[in-house]
């Protein structure tokens, strides 16, 4: 039987940042579409290409700025317990990951310029096999969580 889903959510500012990332990818796609549009004009390719590019940009903008960040924010959950960390993500395929504290090797926090502007940080939890990330946490909460996980992992290691 599955436990209830984790209770902690990504802060609302995380949704804003994911939307900003969507805007950046849309601007990149617009620049690429501009290059393709120029080539279409220069080499007299079919005008249908212009219309396809416009449709693709509109679809990309709607998906990457409005739809996908909202879905991602709505379904991302995490929980840090005494003996494990649980991370849940996904919409159609819900992925729930349990990380035993005894497997945690180290915990990092990272903050790029956009995350710094919004006072957010990502936490990376490394095990021997892989690295798991809890994104878009308030910076102070990320620091506290990093310390807490480190302490719990040390206690779990001592108990083994």
N, C-alpha and C. Protein backbone atom coordinates (compact mmCIF):
# COMPACT_ATOMS: atom_id res chain seq x y z
N UNK A 1 0.83 -1.17 0.00
CA UNK A 1 0.00 0.00 0.00
C UNK A 1 0.88 1.25 0.00
N UNK A 2 0.58 2.19 -0.86
CA UNK A 2 1.35 3.42 -0.95
C UNK A 2 0.99 4.38 0.18
N UNK A 3 1.99 5.08 0.66
CA UNK A 3 1.75 6.14 1.64
C UNK A 3 1.03 7.29 0.97
N UNK A 4 0.52 8.19 1.78
CA UNK A 4 -0.04 9.42 1.22
C UNK A 4 1.08 10.18 0.51
N UNK A 5 0.68 11.03 -0.43
CA UNK A 5 1.70 11.79 -1.14
C UNK A 5 2.41 12.74 -0.19
N UNK A 6 3.65 13.09 -0.52
CA UNK A 6 4.39 14.03 0.34
C UNK A 6 3.63 15.34 0.50
N UNK A 7 3.82 16.00 1.64
CA UNK A 7 3.00 17.16 1.95
C UNK A 7 3.59 18.50 1.53
N UNK A 8 4.90 18.59 1.38
CA UNK A 8 5.52 19.88 1.07
C UNK A 8 5.47 20.15 -0.43
N UNK A 9 5.18 21.41 -0.76
CA UNK A 9 5.10 21.84 -2.16
C UNK A 9 6.21 22.84 -2.44
N UNK A 10 6.45 23.04 -3.72
CA UNK A 10 7.39 24.07 -4.16
C UNK A 10 6.73 25.43 -3.90
N UNK A 11 7.48 26.42 -3.41
CA UNK A 11 6.88 27.76 -3.19
C UNK A 11 6.32 28.34 -4.50
N UNK A 12 5.34 29.20 -4.36
CA UNK A 12 4.68 29.81 -5.52
C UNK A 12 5.67 30.57 -6.42
N UNK A 13 6.75 31.10 -5.82
CA UNK A 13 7.76 31.79 -6.61
C UNK A 13 8.43 30.84 -7.61
N UNK A 14 8.45 29.55 -7.28
CA UNK A 14 9.01 28.56 -8.20
C UNK A 14 8.23 28.51 -9.50
N UNK A 15 6.91 28.66 -9.41
CA UNK A 15 6.07 28.71 -10.61
C UNK A 15 6.47 29.91 -11.47
N UNK A 16 6.71 31.04 -10.84
CA UNK A 16 7.13 32.24 -11.57
C UNK A 16 8.46 31.99 -12.29
N UNK A 17 9.40 31.36 -11.62
CA UNK A 17 10.71 31.09 -12.22
C UNK A 17 10.57 30.10 -13.38
N UNK A 18 9.77 29.05 -13.20
CA UNK A 18 9.57 28.10 -14.29
C UNK A 18 8.93 28.80 -15.50
N UNK A 19 8.03 29.75 -15.25
CA UNK A 19 7.44 30.52 -16.35
C UNK A 19 8.49 31.42 -17.01
N UNK A 20 9.37 31.99 -16.22
CA UNK A 20 10.46 32.80 -16.77
C UNK A 20 11.37 31.94 -17.65
N UNK A 21 11.68 30.73 -17.19
CA UNK A 21 12.47 29.80 -18.02
C UNK A 21 11.74 29.51 -19.33
N UNK A 22 10.41 29.37 -19.26
CA UNK A 22 9.61 29.16 -20.47
C UNK A 22 9.71 30.33 -21.42
N UNK A 23 9.72 31.56 -20.87
CA UNK A 23 9.86 32.76 -21.71
C UNK A 23 11.23 32.77 -22.39
N UNK A 24 12.25 32.40 -21.66
CA UNK A 24 13.60 32.36 -22.23
C UNK A 24 13.66 31.35 -23.38
N UNK A 25 13.08 30.17 -23.19
CA UNK A 25 13.10 29.18 -24.27
C UNK A 25 12.25 29.64 -25.46
N UNK A 26 11.16 30.35 -25.19
CA UNK A 26 10.33 30.88 -26.28
C UNK A 26 11.09 31.95 -27.05
N UNK A 27 11.80 32.83 -26.36
CA UNK A 27 12.60 33.86 -27.04
C UNK A 27 13.68 33.20 -27.91
N UNK A 28 14.30 32.17 -27.40
CA UNK A 28 15.30 31.42 -28.18
C UNK A 28 14.66 30.84 -29.44
N UNK A 29 13.45 30.27 -29.28
CA UNK A 29 12.74 29.71 -30.43
C UNK A 29 12.35 30.81 -31.43
N UNK A 30 11.99 31.99 -30.94
CA UNK A 30 11.64 33.10 -31.83
C UNK A 30 12.86 33.53 -32.65
N UNK A 31 14.02 33.57 -32.02
CA UNK A 31 15.26 33.92 -32.74
C UNK A 31 15.55 32.88 -33.82
N UNK A 32 15.42 31.60 -33.46
CA UNK A 32 15.61 30.53 -34.44
C UNK A 32 14.59 30.63 -35.57
N UNK A 33 13.34 30.93 -35.23
CA UNK A 33 12.30 31.10 -36.25
C UNK A 33 12.61 32.28 -37.15
N UNK A 34 13.20 33.34 -36.58
CA UNK A 34 13.60 34.50 -37.39
C UNK A 34 14.66 34.12 -38.41
N UNK A 35 15.62 33.31 -37.99
CA UNK A 35 16.65 32.84 -38.91
C UNK A 35 16.03 32.00 -40.02
N UNK A 36 15.14 31.09 -39.64
CA UNK A 36 14.46 30.25 -40.64
C UNK A 36 13.60 31.11 -41.56
N UNK A 37 12.93 32.12 -40.99
CA UNK A 37 12.14 33.05 -41.81
C UNK A 37 12.99 33.81 -42.81
N UNK A 38 14.17 34.25 -42.36
CA UNK A 38 15.08 34.94 -43.26
C UNK A 38 15.53 34.02 -44.40
N UNK A 39 15.88 32.78 -44.03
CA UNK A 39 16.30 31.82 -45.06
C UNK A 39 15.16 31.51 -46.03
N UNK A 40 13.95 31.45 -45.49
CA UNK A 40 12.78 31.21 -46.34
C UNK A 40 12.62 32.35 -47.34
N UNK A 41 12.77 33.58 -46.90
CA UNK A 41 12.68 34.74 -47.78
C UNK A 41 13.83 34.75 -48.78
N UNK A 42 15.04 34.52 -48.26
CA UNK A 42 16.25 34.61 -49.09
C UNK A 42 16.25 33.59 -50.22
N UNK A 43 15.84 32.35 -49.90
CA UNK A 43 15.89 31.27 -50.89
C UNK A 43 14.52 30.99 -51.52
N UNK A 44 13.56 31.86 -51.23
CA UNK A 44 12.21 31.77 -51.80
C UNK A 44 11.57 30.38 -51.59
N UNK A 45 11.67 29.93 -50.34
CA UNK A 45 11.01 28.69 -49.99
C UNK A 45 9.51 28.96 -49.87
N UNK A 46 8.70 27.92 -49.75
CA UNK A 46 7.23 28.13 -49.68
C UNK A 46 6.82 28.98 -48.47
N UNK A 47 5.81 29.84 -48.66
CA UNK A 47 5.32 30.70 -47.59
C UNK A 47 4.68 29.91 -46.46
N UNK A 48 4.32 28.69 -46.73
CA UNK A 48 3.75 27.82 -45.69
C UNK A 48 4.70 27.72 -44.49
N UNK A 49 5.98 27.82 -44.75
CA UNK A 49 6.98 27.74 -43.67
C UNK A 49 6.77 28.87 -42.67
N UNK A 50 6.45 30.08 -43.13
CA UNK A 50 6.18 31.20 -42.21
C UNK A 50 5.03 30.86 -41.27
N UNK A 51 3.95 30.34 -41.85
CA UNK A 51 2.76 30.02 -41.05
C UNK A 51 3.04 28.89 -40.06
N UNK A 52 3.80 27.90 -40.50
CA UNK A 52 4.17 26.81 -39.59
C UNK A 52 5.01 27.34 -38.42
N UNK A 53 5.95 28.23 -38.72
CA UNK A 53 6.79 28.78 -37.66
C UNK A 53 5.97 29.59 -36.66
N UNK A 54 5.04 30.38 -37.16
CA UNK A 54 4.19 31.18 -36.26
C UNK A 54 3.36 30.26 -35.37
N UNK A 55 2.76 29.21 -35.95
CA UNK A 55 1.96 28.27 -35.17
C UNK A 55 2.81 27.56 -34.12
N UNK A 56 3.99 27.12 -34.51
CA UNK A 56 4.87 26.43 -33.56
C UNK A 56 5.30 27.35 -32.42
N UNK A 57 5.59 28.60 -32.72
CA UNK A 57 5.99 29.55 -31.67
C UNK A 57 4.82 29.79 -30.70
N UNK A 58 3.63 29.95 -31.23
CA UNK A 58 2.46 30.16 -30.36
C UNK A 58 2.22 28.95 -29.46
N UNK A 59 2.30 27.75 -30.04
CA UNK A 59 2.11 26.52 -29.26
C UNK A 59 3.20 26.40 -28.20
N UNK A 60 4.45 26.63 -28.60
CA UNK A 60 5.56 26.57 -27.64
C UNK A 60 5.37 27.57 -26.51
N UNK A 61 4.99 28.79 -26.84
CA UNK A 61 4.80 29.82 -25.81
C UNK A 61 3.71 29.41 -24.83
N UNK A 62 2.58 28.95 -25.33
CA UNK A 62 1.48 28.55 -24.46
C UNK A 62 1.90 27.40 -23.55
N UNK A 63 2.55 26.39 -24.14
CA UNK A 63 2.96 25.23 -23.35
C UNK A 63 4.05 25.58 -22.33
N UNK A 64 5.12 26.25 -22.80
CA UNK A 64 6.27 26.44 -21.92
C UNK A 64 6.11 27.58 -20.92
N UNK A 65 5.17 28.51 -21.18
CA UNK A 65 4.99 29.62 -20.24
C UNK A 65 3.77 29.41 -19.34
N UNK A 66 2.70 28.88 -19.88
CA UNK A 66 1.46 28.77 -19.10
C UNK A 66 1.18 27.35 -18.60
N UNK A 67 1.16 26.38 -19.49
CA UNK A 67 0.65 25.05 -19.16
C UNK A 67 1.64 24.21 -18.35
N UNK A 68 2.82 23.96 -18.91
CA UNK A 68 3.76 23.05 -18.26
C UNK A 68 4.26 23.52 -16.89
N UNK A 69 4.61 24.81 -16.71
CA UNK A 69 5.01 25.23 -15.36
C UNK A 69 3.90 25.04 -14.32
N UNK A 70 2.66 25.32 -14.70
CA UNK A 70 1.54 25.15 -13.76
C UNK A 70 1.36 23.68 -13.38
N UNK A 71 1.44 22.81 -14.37
CA UNK A 71 1.30 21.38 -14.10
C UNK A 71 2.45 20.90 -13.23
N UNK A 72 3.66 21.32 -13.58
CA UNK A 72 4.84 20.92 -12.82
C UNK A 72 4.73 21.39 -11.37
N UNK A 73 4.33 22.64 -11.17
CA UNK A 73 4.21 23.19 -9.82
C UNK A 73 3.12 22.45 -9.03
N UNK A 74 2.03 22.15 -9.68
CA UNK A 74 0.90 21.49 -9.01
C UNK A 74 1.25 20.09 -8.52
N UNK A 75 2.11 19.39 -9.24
CA UNK A 75 2.37 17.98 -8.93
C UNK A 75 3.68 17.71 -8.20
N UNK A 76 4.55 18.70 -8.08
CA UNK A 76 5.82 18.50 -7.39
C UNK A 76 5.60 18.50 -5.89
N UNK A 77 6.05 17.47 -5.22
CA UNK A 77 5.94 17.35 -3.77
C UNK A 77 7.23 16.74 -3.22
N UNK A 78 7.49 17.01 -1.96
CA UNK A 78 8.64 16.40 -1.31
C UNK A 78 8.38 16.32 0.19
N UNK A 79 9.13 15.46 0.84
CA UNK A 79 9.03 15.31 2.29
C UNK A 79 10.38 14.80 2.80
N UNK A 80 10.87 15.39 3.88
CA UNK A 80 12.09 14.93 4.52
C UNK A 80 11.69 14.35 5.86
N UNK A 81 11.88 13.05 5.99
CA UNK A 81 11.54 12.36 7.24
C UNK A 81 12.83 11.89 7.92
N UNK A 82 12.67 11.33 9.08
CA UNK A 82 13.83 10.92 9.86
C UNK A 82 14.68 9.87 9.14
N UNK A 83 14.02 8.92 8.44
CA UNK A 83 14.75 7.81 7.83
C UNK A 83 14.81 7.85 6.32
N UNK A 84 14.04 8.76 5.70
CA UNK A 84 14.05 8.82 4.25
C UNK A 84 13.60 10.18 3.74
N UNK A 85 13.89 10.40 2.48
CA UNK A 85 13.44 11.59 1.76
C UNK A 85 12.55 11.07 0.64
N UNK A 86 11.39 11.67 0.48
CA UNK A 86 10.48 11.26 -0.59
C UNK A 86 10.27 12.43 -1.54
N UNK A 87 10.40 12.14 -2.83
CA UNK A 87 10.20 13.15 -3.87
C UNK A 87 9.17 12.61 -4.85
N UNK A 88 8.19 13.44 -5.19
CA UNK A 88 7.14 13.05 -6.14
C UNK A 88 7.06 14.10 -7.25
N UNK A 89 7.02 13.61 -8.48
CA UNK A 89 6.87 14.51 -9.63
C UNK A 89 6.15 13.75 -10.75
N UNK A 90 5.72 14.49 -11.75
CA UNK A 90 5.09 13.86 -12.92
C UNK A 90 3.59 14.05 -12.92
N UNK A 91 3.02 14.00 -14.12
CA UNK A 91 1.59 14.16 -14.29
C UNK A 91 0.96 12.85 -14.75
N UNK A 92 1.31 12.42 -15.93
CA UNK A 92 0.74 11.18 -16.46
C UNK A 92 1.42 9.97 -15.82
N UNK A 93 2.72 10.06 -15.65
CA UNK A 93 3.47 9.03 -14.94
C UNK A 93 3.99 9.69 -13.67
N UNK A 94 3.38 9.36 -12.55
CA UNK A 94 3.79 9.96 -11.28
C UNK A 94 4.97 9.15 -10.74
N UNK A 95 6.08 9.84 -10.57
CA UNK A 95 7.29 9.20 -10.08
C UNK A 95 7.47 9.56 -8.61
N UNK A 96 7.54 8.55 -7.77
CA UNK A 96 7.77 8.76 -6.34
C UNK A 96 9.06 8.07 -5.98
N UNK A 97 10.00 8.85 -5.49
CA UNK A 97 11.32 8.34 -5.16
C UNK A 97 11.53 8.40 -3.66
N UNK A 98 11.97 7.29 -3.09
CA UNK A 98 12.32 7.23 -1.67
C UNK A 98 13.84 7.10 -1.58
N UNK A 99 14.45 8.01 -0.86
CA UNK A 99 15.90 7.99 -0.68
C UNK A 99 16.17 7.70 0.80
N UNK A 100 16.67 6.51 1.12
CA UNK A 100 16.99 6.21 2.52
C UNK A 100 18.13 7.11 3.02
N UNK A 101 18.01 7.60 4.23
CA UNK A 101 19.03 8.49 4.79
C UNK A 101 20.40 7.82 4.83
N UNK A 102 20.43 6.50 5.02
CA UNK A 102 21.72 5.81 5.08
C UNK A 102 22.44 5.82 3.73
N UNK A 103 21.72 6.10 2.65
CA UNK A 103 22.32 6.14 1.30
C UNK A 103 22.82 7.54 0.91
N UNK A 104 22.42 8.55 1.67
CA UNK A 104 22.81 9.93 1.33
C UNK A 104 24.30 10.11 1.59
N UNK A 105 25.02 10.53 0.54
CA UNK A 105 26.46 10.77 0.67
C UNK A 105 26.76 12.24 0.93
N UNK A 106 26.10 13.13 0.20
CA UNK A 106 26.25 14.56 0.47
C UNK A 106 25.06 15.32 -0.11
N UNK A 107 24.91 16.54 0.40
CA UNK A 107 23.79 17.39 0.02
C UNK A 107 24.35 18.75 -0.39
N UNK A 108 23.94 19.22 -1.56
CA UNK A 108 24.40 20.51 -2.08
C UNK A 108 23.21 21.42 -2.29
N UNK A 109 23.48 22.72 -2.26
CA UNK A 109 22.47 23.68 -2.71
C UNK A 109 23.10 24.52 -3.81
N UNK A 110 22.29 24.89 -4.80
CA UNK A 110 22.78 25.67 -5.93
C UNK A 110 21.81 26.80 -6.21
N UNK A 111 22.38 27.92 -6.66
CA UNK A 111 21.57 29.10 -6.91
C UNK A 111 22.20 29.90 -8.04
N UNK A 112 21.55 29.89 -9.20
CA UNK A 112 22.01 30.70 -10.33
C UNK A 112 21.47 32.11 -10.21
N UNK A 113 21.76 32.96 -11.21
CA UNK A 113 21.34 34.36 -11.12
C UNK A 113 19.82 34.55 -11.07
N UNK A 114 19.07 33.75 -11.80
CA UNK A 114 17.61 33.89 -11.78
C UNK A 114 17.06 33.43 -10.44
N UNK A 115 17.54 32.30 -9.95
CA UNK A 115 17.08 31.82 -8.64
C UNK A 115 17.46 32.82 -7.54
N UNK A 116 18.65 33.40 -7.66
CA UNK A 116 19.09 34.37 -6.66
C UNK A 116 18.17 35.59 -6.63
N UNK A 117 17.76 36.07 -7.80
CA UNK A 117 16.86 37.22 -7.88
C UNK A 117 15.55 36.94 -7.15
N UNK A 118 15.08 35.71 -7.21
CA UNK A 118 13.82 35.34 -6.57
C UNK A 118 14.02 34.71 -5.19
N UNK A 119 15.27 34.74 -4.68
CA UNK A 119 15.60 34.19 -3.37
C UNK A 119 15.23 32.71 -3.27
N UNK A 120 15.57 31.95 -4.32
CA UNK A 120 15.30 30.52 -4.37
C UNK A 120 16.61 29.75 -4.55
N UNK A 121 16.58 28.47 -4.24
CA UNK A 121 17.75 27.61 -4.43
C UNK A 121 17.28 26.18 -4.68
N UNK A 122 18.12 25.40 -5.33
CA UNK A 122 17.86 23.97 -5.54
C UNK A 122 18.71 23.17 -4.59
N UNK A 123 18.16 22.07 -4.09
CA UNK A 123 18.89 21.14 -3.22
C UNK A 123 19.18 19.89 -4.04
N UNK A 124 20.43 19.42 -4.03
CA UNK A 124 20.80 18.18 -4.70
C UNK A 124 21.23 17.17 -3.64
N UNK A 125 20.61 16.00 -3.67
CA UNK A 125 20.90 14.95 -2.71
C UNK A 125 21.59 13.83 -3.47
N UNK A 126 22.85 13.58 -3.12
CA UNK A 126 23.64 12.58 -3.85
C UNK A 126 23.73 11.28 -3.07
N UNK A 127 23.52 10.19 -3.81
CA UNK A 127 23.75 8.85 -3.28
C UNK A 127 24.86 8.23 -4.15
N UNK A 128 25.24 7.01 -3.86
CA UNK A 128 26.27 6.36 -4.67
C UNK A 128 25.80 6.19 -6.12
N UNK A 129 24.52 5.96 -6.30
CA UNK A 129 23.99 5.66 -7.63
C UNK A 129 23.60 6.90 -8.44
N UNK A 130 23.05 7.92 -7.81
CA UNK A 130 22.47 9.03 -8.57
C UNK A 130 22.36 10.28 -7.71
N UNK A 131 21.88 11.34 -8.33
CA UNK A 131 21.63 12.61 -7.63
C UNK A 131 20.17 12.99 -7.84
N UNK A 132 19.49 13.36 -6.77
CA UNK A 132 18.09 13.78 -6.81
C UNK A 132 18.04 15.26 -6.46
N UNK A 133 17.12 15.98 -7.09
CA UNK A 133 17.02 17.42 -6.86
C UNK A 133 15.64 17.80 -6.36
N UNK A 134 15.62 18.66 -5.37
CA UNK A 134 14.39 19.32 -4.95
C UNK A 134 14.56 20.78 -5.38
N UNK A 135 13.78 21.21 -6.38
CA UNK A 135 14.00 22.54 -6.95
C UNK A 135 13.22 23.64 -6.25
N UNK A 136 13.64 24.86 -6.50
CA UNK A 136 12.88 26.08 -6.22
C UNK A 136 12.47 26.26 -4.75
N UNK A 137 13.38 25.98 -3.83
CA UNK A 137 13.08 26.22 -2.41
C UNK A 137 13.53 27.62 -2.03
N UNK A 138 12.83 28.24 -1.08
CA UNK A 138 13.26 29.52 -0.54
C UNK A 138 14.68 29.32 0.00
N UNK A 139 15.59 30.24 -0.28
CA UNK A 139 17.02 30.07 0.04
C UNK A 139 17.27 29.68 1.50
N UNK A 140 16.61 30.36 2.42
CA UNK A 140 16.80 30.05 3.84
C UNK A 140 16.30 28.63 4.16
N UNK A 141 15.16 28.26 3.59
CA UNK A 141 14.63 26.91 3.79
C UNK A 141 15.57 25.87 3.19
N UNK A 142 16.15 26.19 2.03
CA UNK A 142 17.09 25.26 1.38
C UNK A 142 18.32 25.04 2.27
N UNK A 143 18.83 26.11 2.86
CA UNK A 143 19.99 25.96 3.75
C UNK A 143 19.64 25.13 4.98
N UNK A 144 18.49 25.39 5.57
CA UNK A 144 18.05 24.61 6.74
C UNK A 144 17.83 23.15 6.36
N UNK A 145 17.21 22.91 5.19
CA UNK A 145 16.97 21.53 4.76
C UNK A 145 18.28 20.81 4.48
N UNK A 146 19.23 21.50 3.86
CA UNK A 146 20.53 20.90 3.57
C UNK A 146 21.20 20.47 4.88
N UNK A 147 21.16 21.34 5.89
CA UNK A 147 21.76 21.01 7.19
C UNK A 147 21.02 19.85 7.86
N UNK A 148 19.69 19.90 7.79
CA UNK A 148 18.88 18.84 8.43
C UNK A 148 19.14 17.48 7.79
N UNK A 149 19.14 17.45 6.47
CA UNK A 149 19.40 16.18 5.77
C UNK A 149 20.79 15.67 6.11
N UNK A 150 21.76 16.57 6.14
CA UNK A 150 23.12 16.18 6.48
C UNK A 150 23.19 15.58 7.88
N UNK A 151 22.51 16.22 8.82
CA UNK A 151 22.49 15.69 10.20
C UNK A 151 21.77 14.35 10.27
N UNK A 152 20.61 14.24 9.63
CA UNK A 152 19.87 12.98 9.65
C UNK A 152 20.66 11.86 8.97
N UNK A 153 21.37 12.18 7.91
CA UNK A 153 22.18 11.17 7.22
C UNK A 153 23.33 10.71 8.10
N UNK A 154 23.91 11.67 8.85
CA UNK A 154 25.00 11.32 9.77
C UNK A 154 24.50 10.41 10.88
N UNK A 155 23.33 10.72 11.44
CA UNK A 155 22.72 9.90 12.49
C UNK A 155 22.39 8.52 11.95
N UNK A 156 21.81 8.47 10.75
CA UNK A 156 21.45 7.19 10.14
C UNK A 156 22.70 6.35 9.90
N UNK A 157 23.78 6.99 9.51
CA UNK A 157 25.05 6.28 9.26
C UNK A 157 25.60 5.73 10.58
N UNK A 158 25.48 6.52 11.65
CA UNK A 158 25.97 6.08 12.96
C UNK A 158 25.18 4.89 13.49
N UNK A 159 23.88 4.82 13.15
CA UNK A 159 23.02 3.74 13.62
C UNK A 159 23.31 2.43 12.92
N UNK A 160 23.94 2.49 11.74
CA UNK A 160 24.18 1.26 10.96
C UNK A 160 25.34 0.50 11.48
